[in-house]
Amino acid sequence: MGGKDHNSINIVLTSNERAMFIHLLEKRMEIYPDAMDINRVAKITGYSRTTILRRVQNGDMFAVMMNDEYALSKASVIEFFASDKAFRIYNKSKWHEKAIRWFVKEMYK
């Protein structure tokens, strides 16, 4: 995480582009279960457990409490990472930046 290149992606998606990016994220995450705990989401996305927990507590990602642990909806995680708010994250994780860069490359090749 961090580094000079992480803030270089500064784009705003149209609704059509956002739908296409969501589709890309769905493909990238199809091997994961529909509900995941915070630790798994953190491991997949490259963000810290604290960051994912904060996103849940802020309402950025939907989760329910099960057995004293949050269970996050994969769809909610995908929706967040395709949101304008996620695109404005200054220090994106390598996973997040790679997904965006691949999408941009595919869109404009």
Protein backbone atom coordinates (compact mmCIF):
# COMPACT_ATOMS: atom_id res chain seq x y z
CA MET A 1 0.00 0.00 0.00
CA GLY A 2 1.09 3.57 -0.41
CA GLY A 3 3.68 4.79 -2.82
CA LYS A 4 3.73 7.49 -5.43
CA ASP A 5 1.78 5.59 -8.09
CA HIS A 6 -1.24 4.83 -5.91
CA ASN A 7 -2.72 8.30 -6.24
CA SER A 8 -2.30 8.46 -10.01
CA ILE A 9 -5.71 6.95 -10.82
CA ASN A 10 -8.20 9.79 -10.75
CA ILE A 11 -11.17 8.98 -12.97
CA VAL A 12 -14.93 9.25 -12.71
CA LEU A 13 -16.95 6.44 -14.22
CA THR A 14 -20.15 6.85 -16.19
CA SER A 15 -23.00 4.59 -15.11
CA ASN A 16 -22.25 2.27 -18.04
CA GLU A 17 -18.54 2.12 -17.17
CA ARG A 18 -19.40 1.48 -13.51
CA ALA A 19 -21.60 -1.46 -14.52
CA MET A 20 -18.72 -2.83 -16.60
CA PHE A 21 -16.27 -2.37 -13.71
CA ILE A 22 -18.68 -4.16 -11.36
CA HIS A 23 -18.80 -7.02 -13.86
CA LEU A 24 -14.99 -7.15 -13.89
CA LEU A 25 -14.89 -7.24 -10.07
CA GLU A 26 -17.54 -9.97 -10.00
CA LYS A 27 -15.36 -12.05 -12.32
CA ARG A 28 -12.26 -11.42 -10.21
CA MET A 29 -14.11 -12.39 -7.03
CA GLU A 30 -16.21 -15.28 -8.33
CA ILE A 31 -14.06 -17.84 -6.51
CA TYR A 32 -14.89 -16.30 -3.13
CA PRO A 33 -18.00 -17.05 -1.06
CA ASP A 34 -21.02 -14.72 -1.07
CA ALA A 35 -20.37 -13.81 2.59
CA MET A 36 -16.92 -13.25 4.07
CA ASP A 37 -15.48 -12.07 7.36
CA ILE A 38 -13.44 -8.91 7.68
CA ASN A 39 -10.14 -10.76 7.74
CA ARG A 40 -10.87 -12.47 4.43
CA VAL A 41 -11.99 -9.24 2.75
CA ALA A 42 -8.84 -7.54 4.03
CA LYS A 43 -6.65 -10.33 2.71
CA ILE A 44 -8.34 -10.33 -0.72
CA THR A 45 -8.36 -6.55 -1.20
CA GLY A 46 -5.01 -5.71 0.37
CA TYR A 47 -6.51 -3.25 2.84
CA SER A 48 -6.03 -3.65 6.57
CA ARG A 49 -8.61 -5.25 8.83
CA THR A 50 -9.02 -1.85 10.51
CA THR A 51 -9.75 -0.15 7.18
CA ILE A 52 -12.37 -2.74 6.22
CA LEU A 53 -13.96 -2.50 9.69
CA ARG A 54 -14.10 1.29 9.37
CA ARG A 55 -15.80 0.95 5.96
CA VAL A 56 -18.41 -1.34 7.53
CA GLN A 57 -18.96 0.98 10.48
CA ASN A 58 -19.31 3.97 8.12
CA GLY A 59 -21.91 2.10 6.08
CA ASP A 60 -19.70 1.87 2.99
CA MET A 61 -19.99 -1.93 2.98
CA PHE A 62 -22.95 -3.95 4.20
CA ALA A 63 -22.31 -6.51 6.92
CA VAL A 64 -24.24 -8.37 9.56
CA MET A 65 -22.95 -9.47 12.93
CA MET A 66 -22.70 -13.26 13.23
CA ASN A 67 -21.03 -15.00 16.18
CA ASP A 68 -19.37 -11.76 17.30
CA GLU A 69 -17.87 -11.18 13.85
CA TYR A 70 -19.07 -9.20 10.86
CA ALA A 71 -20.07 -11.11 7.74
CA LEU A 72 -19.76 -8.95 4.64
CA SER A 73 -21.73 -9.47 1.49
CA LYS A 74 -19.47 -9.99 -1.51
CA ALA A 75 -21.90 -7.88 -3.54
CA SER A 76 -21.51 -5.03 -1.05
CA VAL A 77 -17.71 -5.24 -1.24
CA ILE A 78 -17.88 -5.11 -5.04
CA GLU A 79 -20.33 -2.19 -5.00
CA PHE A 80 -18.04 -0.26 -2.68
CA PHE A 81 -14.92 -0.81 -4.80
CA ALA A 82 -16.83 0.37 -7.88
CA SER A 83 -18.06 3.50 -6.09
CA ASP A 84 -16.81 7.05 -6.55
CA LYS A 85 -15.76 7.01 -2.90
CA ALA A 86 -13.47 4.04 -3.51
CA PHE A 87 -12.01 5.65 -6.62
CA ARG A 88 -11.12 8.70 -4.50
CA ILE A 89 -9.03 6.64 -2.03
CA TYR A 90 -5.61 8.28 -2.15
CA ASN A 91 -3.48 5.28 -1.16
CA LYS A 92 -5.11 2.38 -2.94
CA SER A 93 -4.04 -1.19 -2.25
CA LYS A 94 -2.14 -3.00 -4.98
CA TRP A 95 -5.20 -5.20 -5.60
CA HIS A 96 -7.48 -2.17 -5.96
CA GLU A 97 -5.09 -0.26 -8.19
CA LYS A 98 -4.43 -3.31 -10.37
CA ALA A 99 -8.19 -3.84 -10.89
CA ILE A 100 -8.66 -0.22 -11.92
CA ARG A 101 -5.64 -0.16 -14.21
CA TRP A 102 -6.71 -3.39 -15.92
CA PHE A 103 -10.20 -1.99 -16.40
CA VAL A 104 -8.92 1.29 -17.85
CA LYS A 105 -6.58 -0.59 -20.17
CA GLU A 106 -9.45 -2.77 -21.41
CA MET A 107 -11.78 0.21 -21.85
CA TYR A 108 -9.37 2.29 -23.90
CA LYS A 109 -7.37 -0.22 -25.93
